[in-house]
Amino acid sequence: MDDGGGGGGIPLSVSGSSSGVALLSRAARIESALRERGIAELAPRVAIVLGSGLGQFADSLEDATSIPYADLDGMPESTVPGHEGRLVVGRLANQTVLVQQGRIHLYEGWSARDITAAVRAFAGIGIRDLLLTNAAGGLNREWEPGTLMRIRDHINLQEATPLEPDEAGFGNPYSSEVTAAMERAAEREGLEVQSGVYAAFVGPAYETPAEVQMARRFGADAVGMSTVLEVLAGHAAGMRVGGISCITNLASGIGEHPLSHEEVISAGVKASTRFVHLLAATVAEL
């Protein structure tokens, strides 16, 4: 599958696939809700999913409209602190942008298809580009908390997939066009951005030192509990996909003190200025 933009509505069912029916039913409900709220008429071309502690980016949008997830039929709500639970649509860099402020996770009891239903709906209303962000644990001792890392590839250790059998077959789902846009944006803004591999675990417990060592040997540079399922679904739906990790802490066995979710959120907030500049500049380059 190429990196072209997705389009068209999402069908309500798929013959012969009960799992497909569940997937597309939730995605179709979200898409219908977006259309009813007039979001599709605004023609957003970029969707951005924000991770823990990175929600401040939504405040940078102009002429913004906020919609709580509870007001969108089919939209799952997160129970994790640092995930606001709303969609924000507004203007950024002369483009209409849709921001998903908060996501759900496997460890909250949701399925891979539930987690990615919103991404499918975004593709259904014609959104072309998908930027996914997360707060991640760093595996490189030289990367201080607050480091921004462009995700060049990932390792899926979640034992789950949002894909149907006929959606398999592609390799790296990260768009070369989005990668180039991020690199131009970082250079233009004078921002140092690392490039690395993101390994996704299920959670909710942080990775053990042994798991961290395993991930390092697999070639990972950062670890977390999100993003890869959305990447797979977005690419399969025809979107151009890119990802950015904010390294909020050194992973277990790498750093010298215990990990906490409060630390993750705090580090994300401290990095928010550079993070906002990078995302805004990337949108301008797309």
C-alpha atoms as a PDB file:
ATOM      1  CA  MET A   1       0.000   0.000   0.000  1.00  0.00           C
ATOM      2  CA  ASP A   2       1.314   3.441  -0.881  1.00  0.00           C
ATOM      3  CA  ASP A   3       1.460   6.567   1.262  1.00  0.00           C
ATOM      4  CA  GLY A   4      -1.463   8.285  -0.441  1.00  0.00           C
ATOM      5  CA  GLY A   5      -4.310   9.892   1.465  1.00  0.00           C
ATOM      6  CA  GLY A   6      -7.334   7.930   2.608  1.00  0.00           C
ATOM      7  CA  GLY A   7     -10.793   8.936   1.595  1.00  0.00           C
ATOM      8  CA  GLY A   8     -14.385   7.891   1.392  1.00  0.00           C
ATOM      9  CA  GLY A   9     -16.764   6.658   4.055  1.00  0.00           C
ATOM     10  CA  ILE A  10     -16.298   3.574   6.199  1.00  0.00           C
ATOM     11  CA  PRO A  11     -18.688   0.694   5.439  1.00  0.00           C
ATOM     12  CA  LEU A  12     -20.821  -0.588   8.286  1.00  0.00           C
ATOM     13  CA  SER A  13     -19.800  -4.224   7.910  1.00  0.00           C
ATOM     14  CA  VAL A  14     -17.444  -6.613   6.177  1.00  0.00           C
ATOM     15  CA  SER A  15     -18.800  -9.875   4.838  1.00  0.00           C
ATOM     16  CA  GLY A  16     -17.367 -12.955   6.502  1.00  0.00           C
ATOM     17  CA  SER A  17     -15.525 -11.141   9.309  1.00  0.00           C
ATOM     18  CA  SER A  18     -17.237 -10.737  12.681  1.00  0.00           C
ATOM     19  CA  SER A  19     -14.177  -8.890  14.017  1.00  0.00           C
ATOM     20  CA  GLY A  20     -14.321  -6.586  11.018  1.00  0.00           C
ATOM     21  CA  VAL A  21     -17.971  -5.850  11.762  1.00  0.00           C
ATOM     22  CA  ALA A  22     -17.057  -4.741  15.305  1.00  0.00           C
ATOM     23  CA  LEU A  23     -14.148  -2.644  14.081  1.00  0.00           C
ATOM     24  CA  LEU A  24     -16.006  -0.864  11.341  1.00  0.00           C
ATOM     25  CA  SER A  25     -19.148  -0.394  13.402  1.00  0.00           C
ATOM     26  CA  ARG A  26     -17.302   1.639  16.062  1.00  0.00           C
ATOM     27  CA  ALA A  27     -15.260   3.496  13.443  1.00  0.00           C
ATOM     28  CA  ALA A  28     -18.402   4.219  11.434  1.00  0.00           C
ATOM     29  CA  ARG A  29     -20.162   5.580  14.526  1.00  0.00           C
ATOM     30  CA  ILE A  30     -17.243   7.930  15.229  1.00  0.00           C
ATOM     31  CA  GLU A  31     -17.097   9.014  11.597  1.00  0.00           C
ATOM     32  CA  SER A  32     -20.842   9.685  11.594  1.00  0.00           C
ATOM     33  CA  ALA A  33     -20.510  11.729  14.784  1.00  0.00           C
ATOM     34  CA  LEU A  34     -17.684  13.796  13.251  1.00  0.00           C
ATOM     35  CA  ARG A  35     -19.840  14.494  10.214  1.00  0.00           C
ATOM     36  CA  GLU A  36     -22.843  15.421  12.363  1.00  0.00           C
ATOM     37  CA  ARG A  37     -20.688  17.911  14.289  1.00  0.00           C
ATOM     38  CA  GLY A  38     -19.548  19.493  11.021  1.00  0.00           C
ATOM     39  CA  ILE A  39     -15.914  18.392  11.365  1.00  0.00           C
ATOM     40  CA  ALA A  40     -15.779  16.809   7.914  1.00  0.00           C
ATOM     41  CA  GLU A  41     -17.031  20.055   6.339  1.00  0.00           C
ATOM     42  CA  LEU A  42     -14.010  21.876   7.788  1.00  0.00           C
ATOM     43  CA  ALA A  43     -11.823  19.541   5.672  1.00  0.00           C
ATOM     44  CA  PRO A  44      -8.970  18.888   8.131  1.00  0.00           C
ATOM     45  CA  ARG A  45      -5.950  17.433   6.335  1.00  0.00           C
ATOM     46  CA  VAL A  46      -3.846  16.555   9.388  1.00  0.00           C
ATOM     47  CA  ALA A  47      -4.755  14.613  12.543  1.00  0.00           C
ATOM     48  CA  ILE A  48      -2.483  14.641  15.588  1.00  0.00           C
ATOM     49  CA  VAL A  49      -2.795  12.220  18.524  1.00  0.00           C
ATOM     50  CA  LEU A  50      -1.284  13.549  21.762  1.00  0.00           C
ATOM     51  CA  GLY A  51       0.349  11.388  24.429  1.00  0.00           C
ATOM     52  CA  SER A  52       0.694  11.746  28.201  1.00  0.00           C
ATOM     53  CA  GLY A  53       1.642  15.242  29.338  1.00  0.00           C
ATOM     54  CA  LEU A  54       1.696  16.606  25.778  1.00  0.00           C
ATOM     55  CA  GLY A  55      -1.805  18.044  25.708  1.00  0.00           C
ATOM     56  CA  GLN A  56      -0.656  21.671  25.718  1.00  0.00           C
ATOM     57  CA  PHE A  57      -0.222  21.505  21.964  1.00  0.00           C
ATOM     58  CA  ALA A  58      -3.996  21.765  21.526  1.00  0.00           C
ATOM     59  CA  ASP A  59      -3.864  25.243  23.092  1.00  0.00           C
ATOM     60  CA  SER A  60      -1.755  26.464  20.156  1.00  0.00           C
ATOM     61  CA  LEU A  61      -4.609  26.087  17.651  1.00  0.00           C
ATOM     62  CA  GLU A  62      -6.424  29.195  16.428  1.00  0.00           C
ATOM     63  CA  ASP A  63     -10.228  29.419  16.054  1.00  0.00           C
ATOM     64  CA  ALA A  64     -10.398  26.163  17.983  1.00  0.00           C
ATOM     65  CA  THR A  65     -13.499  24.116  18.753  1.00  0.00           C
ATOM     66  CA  SER A  66     -13.378  21.456  21.460  1.00  0.00           C
ATOM     67  CA  ILE A  67     -15.581  18.355  21.585  1.00  0.00           C
ATOM     68  CA  PRO A  68     -15.476  15.999  24.602  1.00  0.00           C
ATOM     69  CA  TYR A  69     -15.253  12.330  23.700  1.00  0.00           C
ATOM     70  CA  ALA A  70     -18.457  11.779  25.654  1.00  0.00           C
ATOM     71  CA  ASP A  71     -20.279  13.839  23.012  1.00  0.00           C
ATOM     72  CA  LEU A  72     -19.078  11.642  20.141  1.00  0.00           C
ATOM     73  CA  ASP A  73     -20.927   8.374  19.666  1.00  0.00           C
ATOM     74  CA  GLY A  74     -18.522   5.438  19.677  1.00  0.00           C
ATOM     75  CA  MET A  75     -15.486   7.392  20.915  1.00  0.00           C
ATOM     76  CA  PRO A  76     -13.757   5.497  23.764  1.00  0.00           C
ATOM     77  CA  GLU A  77     -12.702   7.479  26.823  1.00  0.00           C
ATOM     78  CA  SER A  78      -9.367   7.061  28.610  1.00  0.00           C
ATOM     79  CA  THR A  79      -9.045   6.618  32.371  1.00  0.00           C
ATOM     80  CA  VAL A  80      -5.347   7.578  32.446  1.00  0.00           C
ATOM     81  CA  PRO A  81      -4.217  10.910  33.998  1.00  0.00           C
ATOM     82  CA  GLY A  82      -2.741  13.281  31.428  1.00  0.00           C
ATOM     83  CA  HIS A  83      -5.228  12.270  28.698  1.00  0.00           C
ATOM     84  CA  GLU A  84      -7.875  15.007  28.495  1.00  0.00           C
ATOM     85  CA  GLY A  85     -10.440  13.094  26.460  1.00  0.00           C
ATOM     86  CA  ARG A  86     -11.468  15.599  23.794  1.00  0.00           C
ATOM     87  CA  LEU A  87     -11.062  16.405  20.126  1.00  0.00           C
ATOM     88  CA  VAL A  88      -9.934  19.902  19.190  1.00  0.00           C
ATOM     89  CA  VAL A  89     -10.215  21.230  15.643  1.00  0.00           C
ATOM     90  CA  GLY A  90      -8.634  24.508  14.636  1.00  0.00           C
ATOM     91  CA  ARG A  91      -6.146  26.309  12.409  1.00  0.00           C
ATOM     92  CA  LEU A  92      -2.390  25.857  12.486  1.00  0.00           C
ATOM     93  CA  ALA A  93       0.146  26.939   9.863  1.00  0.00           C
ATOM     94  CA  ASN A  94      -2.678  27.826   7.450  1.00  0.00           C
ATOM     95  CA  GLN A  95      -4.135  24.347   7.689  1.00  0.00           C
ATOM     96  CA  THR A  96      -7.144  22.882   9.464  1.00  0.00           C
ATOM     97  CA  VAL A  97      -5.912  20.383  12.036  1.00  0.00           C
ATOM     98  CA  LEU A  98      -7.778  17.816  14.139  1.00  0.00           C
ATOM     99  CA  VAL A  99      -6.148  17.024  17.489  1.00  0.00           C
ATOM    100  CA  GLN A 100      -7.002  13.943  19.549  1.00  0.00           C
ATOM    101  CA  GLN A 101      -6.146  15.018  23.082  1.00  0.00           C
ATOM    102  CA  GLY A 102      -5.791  11.726  24.913  1.00  0.00           C
ATOM    103  CA  ARG A 103      -5.862   8.075  23.849  1.00  0.00           C
ATOM    104  CA  ILE A 104      -6.912   4.704  25.224  1.00  0.00           C
ATOM    105  CA  HIS A 105      -4.623   1.722  25.841  1.00  0.00           C
ATOM    106  CA  LEU A 106      -4.693  -2.058  25.794  1.00  0.00           C
ATOM    107  CA  TYR A 107      -4.072  -2.174  29.545  1.00  0.00           C
ATOM    108  CA  GLU A 108      -7.334  -0.321  30.158  1.00  0.00           C
ATOM    109  CA  GLY A 109      -9.187  -3.304  28.721  1.00  0.00           C
ATOM    110  CA  TRP A 110      -9.751  -1.986  25.203  1.00  0.00           C
ATOM    111  CA  SER A 111      -9.087  -4.066  22.105  1.00  0.00           C
ATOM    112  CA  ALA A 112      -6.668  -3.159  19.302  1.00  0.00           C
ATOM    113  CA  ARG A 113      -9.662  -2.360  17.101  1.00  0.00           C
ATOM    114  CA  ASP A 114     -11.226  -0.105  19.732  1.00  0.00           C
ATOM    115  CA  ILE A 115      -7.925   1.755  20.106  1.00  0.00           C
ATOM    116  CA  THR A 116      -7.687   2.445  16.383  1.00  0.00           C
ATOM    117  CA  ALA A 117     -11.336   3.116  15.556  1.00  0.00           C
ATOM    118  CA  ALA A 118     -10.820   6.891  15.737  1.00  0.00           C
ATOM    119  CA  VAL A 119      -7.882   6.688  13.324  1.00  0.00           C
ATOM    120  CA  ARG A 120     -10.098   4.778  10.866  1.00  0.00           C
ATOM    121  CA  ALA A 121     -12.762   7.456  11.265  1.00  0.00           C
ATOM    122  CA  PHE A 122     -10.229  10.223  10.621  1.00  0.00           C
ATOM    123  CA  ALA A 123      -9.281   8.536   7.354  1.00  0.00           C
ATOM    124  CA  GLY A 124     -12.961   8.185   6.554  1.00  0.00           C
ATOM    125  CA  ILE A 125     -13.555  11.956   6.634  1.00  0.00           C
ATOM    126  CA  GLY A 126     -10.614  12.508   4.301  1.00  0.00           C
ATOM    127  CA  ILE A 127      -7.698  13.264   6.619  1.00  0.00           C
ATOM    128  CA  ARG A 128      -4.465  12.559   4.739  1.00  0.00           C
ATOM    129  CA  ASP A 129      -1.697  12.884   7.324  1.00  0.00           C
ATOM    130  CA  LEU A 130      -1.517  11.317  10.792  1.00  0.00           C
ATOM    131  CA  LEU A 131       1.044  12.448  13.381  1.00  0.00           C
ATOM    132  CA  LEU A 132       1.245  10.270  16.496  1.00  0.00           C
ATOM    133  CA  THR A 133       3.006  11.345  19.677  1.00  0.00           C
ATOM    134  CA  ASN A 134       3.836   9.652  22.945  1.00  0.00           C
ATOM    135  CA  ALA A 135       5.764   9.964  26.169  1.00  0.00           C
ATOM    136  CA  ALA A 136       8.457   7.266  26.212  1.00  0.00           C
ATOM    137  CA  GLY A 137      11.198   5.811  28.358  1.00  0.00           C
ATOM    138  CA  GLY A 138      14.663   6.297  26.884  1.00  0.00           C
ATOM    139  CA  LEU A 139      17.160   3.467  26.409  1.00  0.00           C
ATOM    140  CA  ASN A 140      20.065   5.732  25.469  1.00  0.00           C
ATOM    141  CA  ARG A 141      21.935   7.143  28.463  1.00  0.00           C
ATOM    142  CA  GLU A 142      23.024  10.129  26.367  1.00  0.00           C
ATOM    143  CA  TRP A 143      19.437  11.253  25.775  1.00  0.00           C
ATOM    144  CA  GLU A 144      18.277  13.441  28.637  1.00  0.00           C
ATOM    145  CA  PRO A 145      14.596  13.682  29.647  1.00  0.00           C
ATOM    146  CA  GLY A 146      12.898  16.080  27.261  1.00  0.00           C
ATOM    147  CA  THR A 147      14.691  14.707  24.197  1.00  0.00           C
ATOM    148  CA  LEU A 148      12.472  14.549  21.093  1.00  0.00           C
ATOM    149  CA  MET A 149      12.785  11.420  18.948  1.00  0.00           C
ATOM    150  CA  ARG A 150      11.360  10.929  15.485  1.00  0.00           C
ATOM    151  CA  ILE A 151      10.129   7.339  15.263  1.00  0.00           C
ATOM    152  CA  ARG A 152      11.759   5.774  12.212  1.00  0.00           C
ATOM    153  CA  ASP A 153      10.455   2.263  12.957  1.00  0.00           C
ATOM    154  CA  HIS A 154       8.849   0.286  15.750  1.00  0.00           C
ATOM    155  CA  ILE A 155       8.785  -3.105  17.451  1.00  0.00           C
ATOM    156  CA  ASN A 156       5.331  -4.408  18.351  1.00  0.00           C
ATOM    157  CA  LEU A 157       5.584  -6.384  21.607  1.00  0.00           C
ATOM    158  CA  GLN A 158       1.897  -5.965  22.434  1.00  0.00           C
ATOM    159  CA  GLU A 159       0.748  -9.277  20.928  1.00  0.00           C
ATOM    160  CA  ALA A 160      -2.102  -7.451  19.200  1.00  0.00           C
ATOM    161  CA  THR A 161      -2.922  -6.000  15.796  1.00  0.00           C
ATOM    162  CA  PRO A 162      -5.763  -3.835  14.478  1.00  0.00           C
ATOM    163  CA  LEU A 163      -5.346  -5.191  10.953  1.00  0.00           C
ATOM    164  CA  GLU A 164      -7.553  -7.495   8.943  1.00  0.00           C
ATOM    165  CA  PRO A 165      -5.847 -10.345   7.028  1.00  0.00           C
ATOM    166  CA  ASP A 166      -6.154  -8.508   3.707  1.00  0.00           C
ATOM    167  CA  GLU A 167      -4.379  -5.460   5.179  1.00  0.00           C
ATOM    168  CA  ALA A 168      -1.134  -7.302   5.874  1.00  0.00           C
ATOM    169  CA  GLY A 169       1.893  -7.309   3.588  1.00  0.00           C
ATOM    170  CA  PHE A 170       3.613  -3.926   3.883  1.00  0.00           C
ATOM    171  CA  GLY A 171       6.904  -3.221   5.616  1.00  0.00           C
ATOM    172  CA  ASN A 172       7.775   0.054   7.320  1.00  0.00           C
ATOM    173  CA  PRO A 173       4.524   2.040   7.754  1.00  0.00           C
ATOM    174  CA  TYR A 174       6.252   5.371   8.478  1.00  0.00           C
ATOM    175  CA  SER A 175       5.873   7.769   5.557  1.00  0.00           C
ATOM    176  CA  SER A 176       9.023   9.037   3.880  1.00  0.00           C
ATOM    177  CA  GLU A 177       7.164  12.274   3.045  1.00  0.00           C
ATOM    178  CA  VAL A 178       6.266  12.897   6.699  1.00  0.00           C
ATOM    179  CA  THR A 179       9.815  11.997   7.746  1.00  0.00           C
ATOM    180  CA  ALA A 180      11.212  14.570   5.321  1.00  0.00           C
ATOM    181  CA  ALA A 181       8.729  17.176   6.592  1.00  0.00           C
ATOM    182  CA  MET A 182       9.832  16.585  10.199  1.00  0.00           C
ATOM    183  CA  GLU A 183      13.494  16.865   9.278  1.00  0.00           C
ATOM    184  CA  ARG A 184      12.926  20.134   7.411  1.00  0.00           C
ATOM    185  CA  ALA A 185      10.866  21.440  10.330  1.00  0.00           C
ATOM    186  CA  ALA A 186      13.548  20.585  12.896  1.00  0.00           C
ATOM    187  CA  GLU A 187      16.228  22.271  10.799  1.00  0.00           C
ATOM    188  CA  ARG A 188      14.117  25.371  10.228  1.00  0.00           C
ATOM    189  CA  GLU A 189      13.313  25.704  13.944  1.00  0.00           C
ATOM    190  CA  GLY A 190      16.851  24.910  15.082  1.00  0.00           C
ATOM    191  CA  LEU A 191      15.630  21.919  17.113  1.00  0.00           C
ATOM    192  CA  GLU A 192      17.713  18.870  17.877  1.00  0.00           C
ATOM    193  CA  VAL A 193      15.595  15.795  17.111  1.00  0.00           C
ATOM    194  CA  GLN A 194      16.916  12.268  17.456  1.00  0.00           C
ATOM    195  CA  SER A 195      15.839   9.345  15.273  1.00  0.00           C
ATOM    196  CA  GLY A 196      15.116   5.942  16.729  1.00  0.00           C
ATOM    197  CA  VAL A 197      13.071   2.768  17.118  1.00  0.00           C
ATOM    198  CA  TYR A 198      10.088   2.657  19.489  1.00  0.00           C
ATOM    199  CA  ALA A 199       9.189  -0.617  21.248  1.00  0.00           C
ATOM    200  CA  ALA A 200       5.608  -0.965  22.495  1.00  0.00           C
ATOM    201  CA  PHE A 201       4.754  -3.088  25.531  1.00  0.00           C
ATOM    202  CA  VAL A 202       1.265  -3.738  26.893  1.00  0.00           C
ATOM    203  CA  GLY A 203       1.622  -2.099  30.328  1.00  0.00           C
ATOM    204  CA  PRO A 204       0.342  -0.791  32.687  1.00  0.00           C
ATOM    205  CA  ALA A 205       3.436  -1.711  34.702  1.00  0.00           C
ATOM    206  CA  TYR A 206       6.623  -0.068  33.555  1.00  0.00           C
ATOM    207  CA  GLU A 207       9.106  -2.365  31.845  1.00  0.00           C
ATOM    208  CA  THR A 208      11.414  -4.402  34.073  1.00  0.00           C
ATOM    209  CA  PRO A 209      15.196  -4.003  33.726  1.00  0.00           C
ATOM    210  CA  ALA A 210      15.318  -7.375  31.954  1.00  0.00           C
ATOM    211  CA  GLU A 211      12.612  -6.308  29.488  1.00  0.00           C
ATOM    212  CA  VAL A 212      14.484  -3.074  28.857  1.00  0.00           C
ATOM    213  CA  GLN A 213      17.684  -5.005  28.121  1.00  0.00           C
ATOM    214  CA  MET A 214      15.746  -7.253  25.743  1.00  0.00           C
ATOM    215  CA  ALA A 215      14.339  -4.209  23.927  1.00  0.00           C
ATOM    216  CA  ARG A 216      17.837  -2.722  23.611  1.00  0.00           C
ATOM    217  CA  ARG A 217      19.140  -5.938  22.092  1.00  0.00           C
ATOM    218  CA  PHE A 218      16.230  -5.893  19.645  1.00  0.00           C
ATOM    219  CA  GLY A 219      17.387  -2.442  18.539  1.00  0.00           C
ATOM    220  CA  ALA A 220      14.929  -0.198  20.382  1.00  0.00           C
ATOM    221  CA  ASP A 221      15.820   3.322  21.496  1.00  0.00           C
ATOM    222  CA  ALA A 222      12.634   4.034  23.462  1.00  0.00           C
ATOM    223  CA  VAL A 223       9.833   2.068  25.136  1.00  0.00           C
ATOM    224  CA  GLY A 224       6.182   2.813  25.793  1.00  0.00           C
ATOM    225  CA  MET A 225       2.647   1.438  25.770  1.00  0.00           C
ATOM    226  CA  SER A 226       0.949   3.031  22.767  1.00  0.00           C
ATOM    227  CA  THR A 227       1.255   4.302  19.179  1.00  0.00           C
ATOM    228  CA  VAL A 228       2.137   1.211  17.131  1.00  0.00           C
ATOM    229  CA  LEU A 229      -1.454   0.012  16.706  1.00  0.00           C
ATOM    230  CA  GLU A 230      -2.529   3.461  15.521  1.00  0.00           C
ATOM    231  CA  VAL A 231       0.423   3.578  13.119  1.00  0.00           C
ATOM    232  CA  LEU A 232      -0.584   0.253  11.594  1.00  0.00           C
ATOM    233  CA  ALA A 233      -4.245   1.218  11.245  1.00  0.00           C
ATOM    234  CA  GLY A 234      -3.484   4.655   9.821  1.00  0.00           C
ATOM    235  CA  HIS A 235      -1.140   3.291   7.184  1.00  0.00           C
ATOM    236  CA  ALA A 236      -3.574   0.525   6.278  1.00  0.00           C
ATOM    237  CA  ALA A 237      -6.299   3.163   5.851  1.00  0.00           C
ATOM    238  CA  GLY A 238      -4.130   5.022   3.333  1.00  0.00           C
ATOM    239  CA  MET A 239      -2.801   7.812   5.528  1.00  0.00           C
ATOM    240  CA  ARG A 240       0.742   9.189   5.569  1.00  0.00           C
ATOM    241  CA  VAL A 241       1.972   8.433   9.077  1.00  0.00           C
ATOM    242  CA  GLY A 242       4.693   9.878  11.296  1.00  0.00           C
ATOM    243  CA  GLY A 243       5.551   9.545  14.973  1.00  0.00           C
ATOM    244  CA  ILE A 244       7.344  11.586  17.637  1.00  0.00           C
ATOM    245  CA  SER A 245       8.366  10.378  21.106  1.00  0.00           C
ATOM    246  CA  CYS A 246       9.133  12.735  23.960  1.00  0.00           C
ATOM    247  CA  ILE A 247      11.708  10.948  26.117  1.00  0.00           C
ATOM    248  CA  THR A 248      10.342  11.742  29.563  1.00  0.00           C
ATOM    249  CA  ASN A 249      12.574   9.467  31.654  1.00  0.00           C
ATOM    250  CA  LEU A 250      15.304   6.867  31.418  1.00  0.00           C
ATOM    251  CA  ALA A 251      13.802   3.366  31.376  1.00  0.00           C
ATOM    252  CA  SER A 252      14.088   0.944  34.285  1.00  0.00           C
ATOM    253  CA  GLY A 253      17.657  -0.241  34.784  1.00  0.00           C
ATOM    254  CA  ILE A 254      18.977   2.722  32.758  1.00  0.00           C
ATOM    255  CA  GLY A 255      18.072   5.511  35.160  1.00  0.00           C
ATOM    256  CA  GLU A 256      18.982   5.683  38.823  1.00  0.00           C
ATOM    257  CA  HIS A 257      15.602   6.238  40.486  1.00  0.00           C
ATOM    258  CA  PRO A 258      12.106   4.651  40.444  1.00  0.00           C
ATOM    259  CA  LEU A 259       9.699   5.543  37.648  1.00  0.00           C
ATOM    260  CA  SER A 260       6.350   7.287  38.100  1.00  0.00           C
ATOM    261  CA  HIS A 261       3.549   8.526  35.874  1.00  0.00           C
ATOM    262  CA  GLU A 262       3.815  11.937  37.556  1.00  0.00           C
ATOM    263  CA  GLU A 263       7.419  12.151  36.321  1.00  0.00           C
ATOM    264  CA  VAL A 264       6.268  11.333  32.802  1.00  0.00           C
ATOM    265  CA  ILE A 265       3.647  14.079  32.801  1.00  0.00           C
ATOM    266  CA  SER A 266       6.035  16.627  34.343  1.00  0.00           C
ATOM    267  CA  ALA A 267       8.755  15.972  31.780  1.00  0.00           C
ATOM    268  CA  GLY A 268       6.229  16.218  28.955  1.00  0.00           C
ATOM    269  CA  VAL A 269       5.084  19.620  30.200  1.00  0.00           C
ATOM    270  CA  LYS A 270       8.691  20.866  30.467  1.00  0.00           C
ATOM    271  CA  ALA A 271       9.393  19.800  26.870  1.00  0.00           C
ATOM    272  CA  SER A 272       6.130  21.247  25.585  1.00  0.00           C
ATOM    273  CA  THR A 273       7.577  24.436  24.054  1.00  0.00           C
ATOM    274  CA  ARG A 274      10.023  22.584  21.795  1.00  0.00           C
ATOM    275  CA  PHE A 275       7.414  19.909  21.128  1.00  0.00           C
ATOM    276  CA  VAL A 276       4.807  22.490  20.042  1.00  0.00           C
ATOM    277  CA  HIS A 277       7.338  24.216  17.769  1.00  0.00           C
ATOM    278  CA  LEU A 278       8.307  20.932  16.118  1.00  0.00           C
ATOM    279  CA  LEU A 279       4.719  19.826  15.509  1.00  0.00           C
ATOM    280  CA  ALA A 280       3.640  23.241  14.208  1.00  0.00           C
ATOM    281  CA  ALA A 281       6.620  23.447  11.881  1.00  0.00           C
ATOM    282  CA  THR A 282       5.995  19.895  10.656  1.00  0.00           C
ATOM    283  CA  VAL A 283       2.372  20.699   9.839  1.00  0.00           C
ATOM    284  CA  ALA A 284       3.574  23.725   7.856  1.00  0.00           C
ATOM    285  CA  GLU A 285       5.892  21.464   5.834  1.00  0.00           C
ATOM    286  CA  LEU A 286       3.244  18.852   4.953  1.00  0.00           C
END
